């Protein structure tokens, strides 16, 4: 392929790292590329909590417009930021092999880990994710949550300058650019956002060259698992402003899925867990969502709608 592929990316260190990985993969298959930097709405407003911004697609809209306007040929996104319904004229071209899907807590001070182990300590934790807020308050209802916006570098600096005891981050984001502090711990009890840790490449629907080039490095297992998670999210009519979590993993030719939905204050929770053979995983996300709604999830979903 002789065409130079223009890769659209946000300007943050993490976004550029992700786009560079795609550029390297293209080069390994003999395809030349260049990065094109695009500002997103989510990068410009760093004060308003995400759940107050109509967050669906907040980090992807500007790249989508650049793609549709032919300023770029492909766009690279953190998959958890991508709405379950892609804009008309845009298609998924490739899903990269997934990194860590876990959330981590970064401590302000070393002694704060011991305070967290003491369930009665009134700690202050920072995050802008409504999913993380709900799960945190479900486990630690006596804690205070503060809003934290910005790219990973900005958020780490805000934590260092704050009175907070800690802040919640996606492990993959910090690990990919070598910024995970030693004073951090994986939150094994916290279920991730659908598609967390995965990187997706999208292109225009009529661009067969870009699609063919990106298909060369599509990871089938990651694509399957994230599709199930996103189907679960779509079936629950959720987005980034809804505390919905999901994780699908392939173990011994079986897909193990777990998902949940929580009330905004974290007081109520409904969960679902299913294991099926890979060959029978079609529709798993939607099936799991239906069962969840029938077993306590609908009441929680209704309470979220009424709160808006």
Protein backbone atom coordinates (compact mmCIF):
# COMPACT_ATOMS: atom_id res chain seq x y z
CA UNK A 1 0.00 0.00 0.00
CA UNK A 2 1.56 3.32 -1.10
CA UNK A 3 -0.93 5.66 0.53
CA UNK A 4 0.29 7.67 3.55
CA UNK A 5 -2.23 7.15 6.35
CA UNK A 6 -2.98 10.23 8.46
CA UNK A 7 -3.56 9.18 12.10
CA UNK A 8 -5.75 11.51 14.15
CA UNK A 9 -4.96 11.76 17.86
CA UNK A 10 -5.57 13.98 20.85
CA UNK A 11 -2.52 15.88 22.11
CA UNK A 12 -2.14 14.28 25.54
CA UNK A 13 0.93 12.14 26.24
CA UNK A 14 -1.21 9.01 26.57
CA UNK A 15 -3.16 9.67 23.36
CA UNK A 16 0.05 10.27 21.42
CA UNK A 17 1.52 7.06 22.87
CA UNK A 18 -1.53 5.12 21.64
CA UNK A 19 -1.39 6.68 18.17
CA UNK A 20 2.33 5.95 17.99
CA UNK A 21 1.66 2.27 18.70
CA UNK A 22 -0.72 2.21 15.74
CA UNK A 23 1.87 3.98 13.59
CA UNK A 24 4.47 1.38 14.56
CA UNK A 25 2.09 -1.48 13.76
CA UNK A 26 1.36 0.02 10.36
CA UNK A 27 5.07 0.40 9.67
CA UNK A 28 5.64 -3.26 10.58
CA UNK A 29 3.24 -4.10 7.75
CA UNK A 30 4.90 -1.75 5.29
CA UNK A 31 2.39 1.10 5.61
CA UNK A 32 3.62 4.68 6.06
CA UNK A 33 1.76 7.07 8.38
CA UNK A 34 1.91 10.44 10.11
CA UNK A 35 0.25 11.82 13.26
CA UNK A 36 -2.26 14.67 13.06
CA UNK A 37 -3.06 16.39 16.37
CA UNK A 38 -6.68 17.34 17.13
CA UNK A 39 -7.98 19.08 20.26
CA UNK A 40 -11.08 17.56 21.90
CA UNK A 41 -13.78 19.21 23.99
CA UNK A 42 -12.80 16.99 26.90
CA UNK A 43 -9.25 18.38 26.82
CA UNK A 44 -10.34 22.03 26.76
CA UNK A 45 -12.71 22.06 29.77
CA UNK A 46 -10.82 20.52 32.68
CA UNK A 47 -13.03 21.80 35.51
CA UNK A 48 -16.58 20.62 34.79
CA UNK A 49 -17.21 17.04 36.02
CA UNK A 50 -17.57 14.68 33.06
CA UNK A 51 -21.07 13.64 34.10
CA UNK A 52 -22.19 17.29 33.78
CA UNK A 53 -20.78 17.71 30.28
CA UNK A 54 -23.02 15.32 28.33
CA UNK A 55 -19.93 13.16 28.32
CA UNK A 56 -20.94 10.62 25.66
CA UNK A 57 -18.30 11.01 22.98
CA UNK A 58 -16.69 14.05 24.63
CA UNK A 59 -13.18 12.77 23.85
CA UNK A 60 -14.01 11.41 20.38
CA UNK A 61 -16.24 13.99 18.68
CA UNK A 62 -13.47 16.23 17.39
CA UNK A 63 -11.61 13.27 15.88
CA UNK A 64 -14.83 11.94 14.36
CA UNK A 65 -15.44 15.29 12.66
CA UNK A 66 -11.87 15.41 11.37
CA UNK A 67 -12.34 11.90 9.99
CA UNK A 68 -15.63 12.69 8.26
CA UNK A 69 -14.16 15.94 6.88
CA UNK A 70 -11.23 13.98 5.40
CA UNK A 71 -8.60 15.76 7.51
CA UNK A 72 -7.41 12.36 8.76
CA UNK A 73 -7.74 8.76 7.56
CA UNK A 74 -7.99 6.92 10.89
CA UNK A 75 -8.54 7.96 14.51
CA UNK A 76 -7.14 6.24 17.59
CA UNK A 77 -9.21 6.16 20.80
CA UNK A 78 -9.21 4.67 24.24
CA UNK A 79 -12.07 2.30 23.54
CA UNK A 80 -13.89 3.03 26.80
CA UNK A 81 -14.35 6.64 25.58
CA UNK A 82 -16.09 5.58 22.35
CA UNK A 83 -19.92 5.70 22.31
CA UNK A 84 -21.57 2.33 21.65
CA UNK A 85 -23.24 3.83 18.57
CA UNK A 86 -20.60 5.10 16.13
CA UNK A 87 -21.41 8.18 14.01
CA UNK A 88 -22.85 7.49 10.57
CA UNK A 89 -20.05 7.01 8.08
CA UNK A 90 -17.51 5.71 10.62
CA UNK A 91 -16.58 2.07 11.28
CA UNK A 92 -14.24 0.17 13.57
CA UNK A 93 -11.10 -0.83 11.72
CA UNK A 94 -9.07 -2.58 14.40
CA UNK A 95 -8.88 -3.35 18.12
CA UNK A 96 -5.40 -3.67 19.61
CA UNK A 97 -4.45 -6.35 22.14
CA UNK A 98 -5.80 -5.25 25.49
CA UNK A 99 -3.61 -3.84 28.24
CA UNK A 100 -4.54 -3.90 31.93
CA UNK A 101 -8.28 -3.44 32.49
CA UNK A 102 -7.87 -2.66 36.19
CA UNK A 103 -8.36 0.53 38.17
CA UNK A 104 -5.71 1.56 40.67
CA UNK A 105 -5.61 3.86 43.67
CA UNK A 106 -2.64 6.22 43.82
CA UNK A 107 -1.88 7.32 47.38
CA UNK A 108 -0.95 10.86 48.35
CA UNK A 109 1.20 9.57 51.25
CA UNK A 110 2.51 6.11 52.10
CA UNK A 111 0.52 5.99 55.35
CA UNK A 112 -2.77 6.43 53.51
CA UNK A 113 -2.79 2.74 52.55
CA UNK A 114 -3.06 1.81 56.20
CA UNK A 115 -5.87 4.35 56.65
CA UNK A 116 -7.77 2.71 53.79
CA UNK A 117 -7.52 -0.65 55.53
CA UNK A 118 -9.27 0.96 58.50
CA UNK A 119 -12.87 1.06 57.29
CA UNK A 120 -13.78 3.83 59.74
CA UNK A 121 -11.23 6.39 58.50
CA UNK A 122 -13.02 9.33 56.76
CA UNK A 123 -10.81 9.61 53.67
CA UNK A 124 -11.09 11.94 50.67
CA UNK A 125 -10.65 10.27 47.27
CA UNK A 126 -10.59 12.01 43.88
CA UNK A 127 -12.09 10.87 40.56
CA UNK A 128 -14.41 12.29 37.90
CA UNK A 129 -15.76 8.88 36.87
CA UNK A 130 -19.34 8.30 37.98
CA UNK A 131 -18.71 4.54 37.76
CA UNK A 132 -15.75 4.78 40.11
CA UNK A 133 -17.64 7.10 42.46
CA UNK A 134 -20.56 4.68 42.78
CA UNK A 135 -18.37 1.63 43.35
CA UNK A 136 -16.17 3.49 45.83
CA UNK A 137 -19.14 4.74 47.86
CA UNK A 138 -20.68 1.27 47.79
CA UNK A 139 -17.55 -0.05 49.53
CA UNK A 140 -16.67 3.06 51.56
CA UNK A 141 -19.90 5.03 52.17
CA UNK A 142 -18.22 7.24 54.79
CA UNK A 143 -15.61 8.61 52.35
CA UNK A 144 -15.75 11.96 50.54
CA UNK A 145 -15.29 12.12 46.74
CA UNK A 146 -13.71 15.11 44.98
CA UNK A 147 -13.78 15.89 41.26
CA UNK A 148 -10.54 15.28 39.34
CA UNK A 149 -10.18 16.19 35.64
CA UNK A 150 -7.34 16.44 33.14
CA UNK A 151 -4.90 14.12 31.42
CA UNK A 152 -2.98 11.63 33.56
CA UNK A 153 -0.03 14.00 34.05
CA UNK A 154 -2.33 16.81 35.19
CA UNK A 155 -4.27 14.54 37.54
CA UNK A 156 -1.11 13.21 39.18
CA UNK A 157 0.08 16.77 39.76
CA UNK A 158 -3.30 17.81 41.19
CA UNK A 159 -3.12 14.87 43.60
CA UNK A 160 0.38 15.89 44.70
CA UNK A 161 -0.82 19.45 45.36
CA UNK A 162 -4.06 18.47 47.10
CA UNK A 163 -5.35 17.54 50.54
CA UNK A 164 -6.75 14.27 49.14
CA UNK A 165 -5.68 10.88 50.45
CA UNK A 166 -5.65 9.35 46.98
CA UNK A 167 -7.07 9.30 43.44
CA UNK A 168 -8.34 6.55 41.17
CA UNK A 169 -6.76 5.97 37.74
CA UNK A 170 -6.90 3.35 34.99
CA UNK A 171 -3.81 1.19 35.37
CA UNK A 172 -3.24 1.00 31.62
CA UNK A 173 -3.07 4.78 31.20
CA UNK A 174 -0.30 5.23 33.77
CA UNK A 175 1.61 2.08 32.88
CA UNK A 176 1.73 2.78 29.14
CA UNK A 177 3.62 6.04 29.61
CA UNK A 178 5.69 4.89 32.59
CA UNK A 179 3.98 7.10 35.17
CA UNK A 180 2.51 4.58 37.62
CA UNK A 181 3.77 5.63 41.08
CA UNK A 182 5.16 3.10 43.52
CA UNK A 183 2.54 4.34 46.00
CA UNK A 184 -0.36 2.65 44.22
CA UNK A 185 -2.46 -0.48 44.53
CA UNK A 186 -4.73 -2.38 42.14
CA UNK A 187 -8.40 -2.25 43.09
CA UNK A 188 -9.23 -5.88 42.39
CA UNK A 189 -12.74 -5.39 43.78
CA UNK A 190 -13.57 -2.56 41.34
CA UNK A 191 -15.14 -3.72 38.06
CA UNK A 192 -13.84 -1.72 35.07
CA UNK A 193 -15.63 0.34 32.50
CA UNK A 194 -16.65 -1.62 29.40
CA UNK A 195 -13.61 -1.87 27.07
CA UNK A 196 -11.23 -0.34 29.63
CA UNK A 197 -7.60 -0.98 28.70
CA UNK A 198 -8.39 -1.47 25.00
CA UNK A 199 -7.38 0.78 22.09
CA UNK A 200 -9.56 1.04 18.99
CA UNK A 201 -8.89 2.41 15.52
CA UNK A 202 -11.76 3.78 13.43
CA UNK A 203 -11.93 4.86 9.80
CA UNK A 204 -14.48 6.06 7.24
CA UNK A 205 -16.89 3.41 6.02
CA UNK A 206 -15.83 3.85 2.38
CA UNK A 207 -12.07 3.75 3.04
CA UNK A 208 -11.18 0.18 2.06
CA UNK A 209 -7.43 0.89 2.09
CA UNK A 210 -7.36 2.13 5.68
CA UNK A 211 -9.63 -0.71 6.80
CA UNK A 212 -7.46 -3.36 5.16
CA UNK A 213 -4.26 -1.91 6.64
CA UNK A 214 -5.66 -1.78 10.18
CA UNK A 215 -7.20 -5.25 9.98
CA UNK A 216 -3.66 -6.63 9.78
CA UNK A 217 -3.16 -6.03 13.52
CA UNK A 218 -6.69 -6.61 14.86
CA UNK A 219 -6.67 -8.77 18.03
CA UNK A 220 -9.66 -11.12 17.74
CA UNK A 221 -9.94 -12.01 21.44
CA UNK A 222 -9.86 -8.38 22.56
CA UNK A 223 -12.34 -7.45 19.83
CA UNK A 224 -14.72 -10.19 20.98
CA UNK A 225 -14.52 -9.37 24.68
CA UNK A 226 -14.91 -5.61 24.23
CA UNK A 227 -17.83 -6.15 21.85
CA UNK A 228 -19.61 -8.19 24.53
CA UNK A 229 -18.95 -5.51 27.15
CA UNK A 230 -20.15 -2.72 24.87
CA UNK A 231 -23.27 -4.72 23.91
CA UNK A 232 -24.01 -5.01 27.64
CA UNK A 233 -23.61 -1.24 28.02
CA UNK A 234 -25.75 -0.51 24.96
CA UNK A 235 -28.53 -2.84 26.12
CA UNK A 236 -28.63 -1.02 29.46
CA UNK A 237 -28.84 2.31 27.60
CA UNK A 238 -25.74 3.43 29.48
CA UNK A 239 -22.82 5.71 28.80
CA UNK A 240 -19.94 7.31 30.66
CA UNK A 241 -22.46 9.16 32.85
CA UNK A 242 -23.99 5.89 34.08
CA UNK A 243 -22.34 3.66 36.73
CA UNK A 244 -22.25 0.53 34.57
CA UNK A 245 -19.27 -1.83 34.61
CA UNK A 246 -18.44 -4.93 32.58
CA UNK A 247 -15.60 -7.34 31.97
CA UNK A 248 -15.36 -10.29 29.59
CA UNK A 249 -12.33 -12.59 29.64
CA UNK A 250 -11.46 -15.67 27.61
CA UNK A 251 -10.18 -18.60 29.67
CA UNK A 252 -9.77 -22.11 28.22
CA UNK A 253 -11.96 -21.39 25.17
CA UNK A 254 -14.73 -20.01 27.36
CA UNK A 255 -15.92 -16.44 27.82
CA UNK A 256 -16.36 -15.45 31.45
CA UNK A 257 -18.48 -12.30 31.80
CA UNK A 258 -19.32 -10.20 34.85
CA UNK A 259 -21.23 -6.92 34.87
CA UNK A 260 -23.05 -4.62 37.24
CA UNK A 261 -24.99 -1.40 37.62
CA UNK A 262 -25.06 0.77 40.75
CA UNK A 263 -27.19 3.64 41.94
CA UNK A 264 -25.49 7.03 41.75
CA UNK A 265 -24.89 7.10 45.51
CA UNK A 266 -23.52 3.56 45.50
CA UNK A 267 -26.16 2.28 47.92
CA UNK A 268 -27.81 -0.14 45.49
CA UNK A 269 -26.12 -2.66 43.22
CA UNK A 270 -27.21 -5.38 40.80
CA UNK A 271 -24.73 -7.85 39.31
CA UNK A 272 -24.64 -10.60 36.70
CA UNK A 273 -22.09 -13.32 35.99
CA UNK A 274 -22.12 -15.80 33.08
CA UNK A 275 -19.71 -18.28 31.47
CA UNK A 276 -20.24 -19.68 27.96
CA UNK A 277 -18.14 -21.34 25.26
CA UNK A 278 -16.63 -18.93 22.74
CA UNK A 279 -18.72 -20.54 19.98
CA UNK A 280 -21.89 -19.69 21.93
CA UNK A 281 -20.94 -16.13 22.95
CA UNK A 282 -22.99 -14.35 20.28
CA UNK A 283 -25.39 -11.96 21.99
CA UNK A 284 -23.88 -12.60 25.43
CA UNK A 285 -23.72 -8.92 26.37
CA UNK A 286 -27.38 -8.26 25.54
CA UNK A 287 -28.50 -11.50 27.23
CA UNK A 288 -26.61 -10.61 30.40
CA UNK A 289 -28.11 -7.11 30.39
CA UNK A 290 -31.64 -8.50 30.07
CA UNK A 291 -31.09 -10.85 33.01
CA UNK A 292 -29.60 -8.05 35.09
CA UNK A 293 -32.59 -5.79 34.43
CA UNK A 294 -34.96 -8.57 35.45
CA UNK A 295 -33.06 -9.14 38.70
CA UNK A 296 -32.88 -5.71 40.31
CA UNK A 297 -31.17 -3.72 37.58
CA UNK A 298 -34.31 -2.10 36.17
CA UNK A 299 -35.16 -0.36 39.44
CA UNK A 300 -31.63 1.05 39.64
CA UNK A 301 -31.70 2.17 36.00
CA UNK A 302 -35.04 3.90 36.63
CA UNK A 303 -33.66 5.71 39.68
CA UNK A 304 -30.75 7.00 37.60
CA UNK A 305 -33.09 8.30 34.90
CA UNK A 306 -35.27 10.04 37.48
CA UNK A 307 -32.22 11.69 39.06
CA UNK A 308 -31.33 13.46 35.80
